[in-house]
Protein backbone atom coordinates (compact mmCIF):
# COMPACT_ATOMS: atom_id res chain seq x y z
CA MET A 1 -11.13 -103.52 -27.56
CA SER A 2 -14.46 -104.46 -25.98
CA THR A 3 -14.56 -102.28 -22.85
CA CYS A 4 -12.49 -99.38 -21.70
CA PRO A 5 -11.17 -99.09 -18.14
CA ARG A 6 -12.51 -96.54 -15.71
CA GLY A 7 -11.16 -93.05 -16.37
CA THR A 8 -11.18 -93.56 -20.14
CA ILE A 9 -13.63 -93.17 -22.98
CA ARG A 10 -14.07 -95.35 -26.05
CA TYR A 11 -12.90 -93.71 -29.28
CA THR A 12 -13.18 -94.85 -32.90
CA VAL A 13 -10.11 -94.00 -34.97
CA LYS A 14 -10.71 -91.64 -37.90
CA ALA A 15 -8.57 -90.93 -40.95
CA GLY A 16 -5.46 -88.96 -39.98
CA ASP A 17 -5.59 -89.85 -36.27
CA THR A 18 -2.30 -90.43 -34.46
CA PHE A 19 -1.63 -90.98 -30.76
CA TYR A 20 0.07 -87.58 -30.74
CA ALA A 21 -2.96 -85.80 -32.27
CA LEU A 22 -5.34 -87.64 -29.94
CA ALA A 23 -3.21 -86.77 -26.91
CA GLN A 24 -3.37 -83.10 -27.90
CA ARG A 25 -7.11 -83.21 -28.58
CA PHE A 26 -8.03 -84.98 -25.34
CA ASN A 27 -5.49 -83.20 -23.10
CA THR A 28 -3.58 -86.37 -22.23
CA THR A 29 -0.24 -87.96 -23.21
CA ILE A 30 0.92 -90.51 -25.76
CA THR A 31 2.21 -92.64 -22.88
CA ALA A 32 -1.19 -92.58 -21.16
CA ILE A 33 -2.97 -93.62 -24.38
CA SER A 34 -0.43 -96.39 -24.99
CA SER A 35 -0.76 -97.72 -21.44
CA VAL A 36 -4.54 -98.26 -21.73
CA ASN A 37 -4.22 -99.80 -25.21
CA PRO A 38 -1.74 -102.67 -24.87
CA GLY A 39 -1.25 -104.45 -28.16
CA VAL A 40 -2.24 -101.44 -30.25
CA ASN A 41 0.53 -100.36 -32.59
CA PRO A 42 0.52 -96.53 -32.52
CA ASN A 43 2.30 -96.50 -35.89
CA ASN A 44 -0.41 -98.61 -37.54
CA LEU A 45 -3.79 -97.22 -36.47
CA ARG A 46 -6.68 -98.32 -38.67
CA VAL A 47 -9.77 -96.25 -39.47
CA GLY A 48 -12.66 -97.74 -37.48
CA GLN A 49 -10.37 -99.28 -34.87
CA ARG A 50 -11.66 -98.78 -31.31
CA ILE A 51 -9.26 -97.62 -28.65
CA CYS A 52 -9.52 -96.13 -25.17
CA ILE A 53 -8.54 -92.54 -24.36
CA PRO A 54 -7.75 -91.45 -20.78
CA VAL A 55 -9.73 -88.38 -19.75
CA ARG A 56 -9.50 -86.13 -16.74
CA ARG A 57 -12.90 -85.62 -15.26
CA THR A 58 -13.54 -82.38 -13.48
CA VAL A 59 -16.73 -82.41 -11.45
CA THR A 60 -19.01 -79.45 -10.88
CA PRO A 61 -20.85 -79.92 -7.57
CA CYS A 62 -24.42 -81.02 -8.24
CA PRO A 63 -26.76 -83.90 -7.38
CA PRO A 64 -25.73 -87.20 -9.03
CA SER A 65 -29.01 -87.31 -10.98
CA SER A 66 -28.12 -83.97 -12.62
CA ARG A 67 -24.57 -84.84 -13.70
CA TYR A 68 -23.77 -84.92 -17.39
CA VAL A 69 -20.52 -86.11 -18.96
CA ILE A 70 -19.32 -83.99 -21.91
CA GLN A 71 -19.17 -86.01 -25.16
CA PRO A 72 -17.36 -85.22 -28.42
CA GLY A 73 -19.15 -82.38 -30.24
CA ASP A 74 -21.03 -81.11 -27.18
CA THR A 75 -21.58 -77.41 -26.68
CA PHE A 76 -23.64 -75.68 -24.00
CA SER A 77 -26.03 -74.58 -26.73
CA LYS A 78 -26.57 -78.15 -27.98
CA ILE A 79 -26.98 -79.46 -24.43
CA SER A 80 -29.53 -76.76 -23.53
CA GLN A 81 -31.53 -77.61 -26.66
CA ARG A 82 -31.31 -81.37 -26.07
CA TYR A 83 -32.62 -81.05 -22.50
CA GLY A 84 -35.02 -78.17 -23.16
CA ILE A 85 -33.49 -75.79 -20.64
CA PRO A 86 -32.53 -72.15 -21.11
CA LEU A 87 -28.87 -71.58 -21.94
CA ARG A 88 -28.55 -68.95 -19.21
CA LEU A 89 -29.76 -71.50 -16.62
CA LEU A 90 -27.17 -74.04 -17.79
CA LEU A 91 -24.45 -71.37 -17.56
CA SER A 92 -25.57 -70.27 -14.08
CA LEU A 93 -25.50 -73.86 -12.78
CA ASN A 94 -21.97 -74.35 -14.09
CA ARG A 95 -20.11 -71.27 -12.88
CA GLY A 96 -16.40 -71.78 -13.33
CA VAL A 97 -16.89 -73.96 -16.41
CA ASP A 98 -15.59 -72.31 -19.58
CA PRO A 99 -18.35 -72.96 -22.17
CA ASN A 100 -15.83 -72.25 -24.94
CA ASN A 101 -13.39 -74.89 -23.68
CA LEU A 102 -15.42 -77.97 -22.74
CA GLN A 103 -13.31 -81.09 -22.24
CA ILE A 104 -14.53 -84.54 -23.21
CA GLY A 105 -15.20 -86.42 -19.99
CA GLN A 106 -15.79 -83.21 -18.02
CA ILE A 107 -18.82 -83.43 -15.73
CA ILE A 108 -21.31 -80.57 -15.61
CA CYS A 109 -24.74 -80.04 -14.05
CA VAL A 110 -27.78 -80.40 -16.26
CA PRO A 111 -31.14 -80.22 -14.49
CA ARG A 112 -33.46 -82.98 -15.59
CA ARG A 113 -37.03 -82.01 -16.28
CA ARG A 114 -39.49 -83.84 -14.13
CA ARG A 115 -42.31 -85.63 -15.88
CA ARG A 116 -45.77 -84.50 -14.94
CA SER A 117 -47.80 -87.09 -13.10
CA ARG A 118 -51.24 -87.79 -14.47
């Protein structure tokens, strides 16, 4: 599959993946995964195959330039290190977001550092 429709993310199948396991992992349903992947046989997934996974995006109010979409493997700690911001600042900007239960596709606020002008 070349592009995924809006409201989905691209996912590369790994050994042991099933539509059921992916539905559990991404908080969606087998039916939803099947509907955005016509022609994909859920009983014959191949390692390396690219499929689309529907995700529910929850948005934390913040300026569009500060929005960040949670990716697989993200943690608040990794994000704070990547963007060079204190973890406590990231937590305070995202009140109501459970840092121990981040969802892929979830949108959080991450302040972007401004470059110094010379």
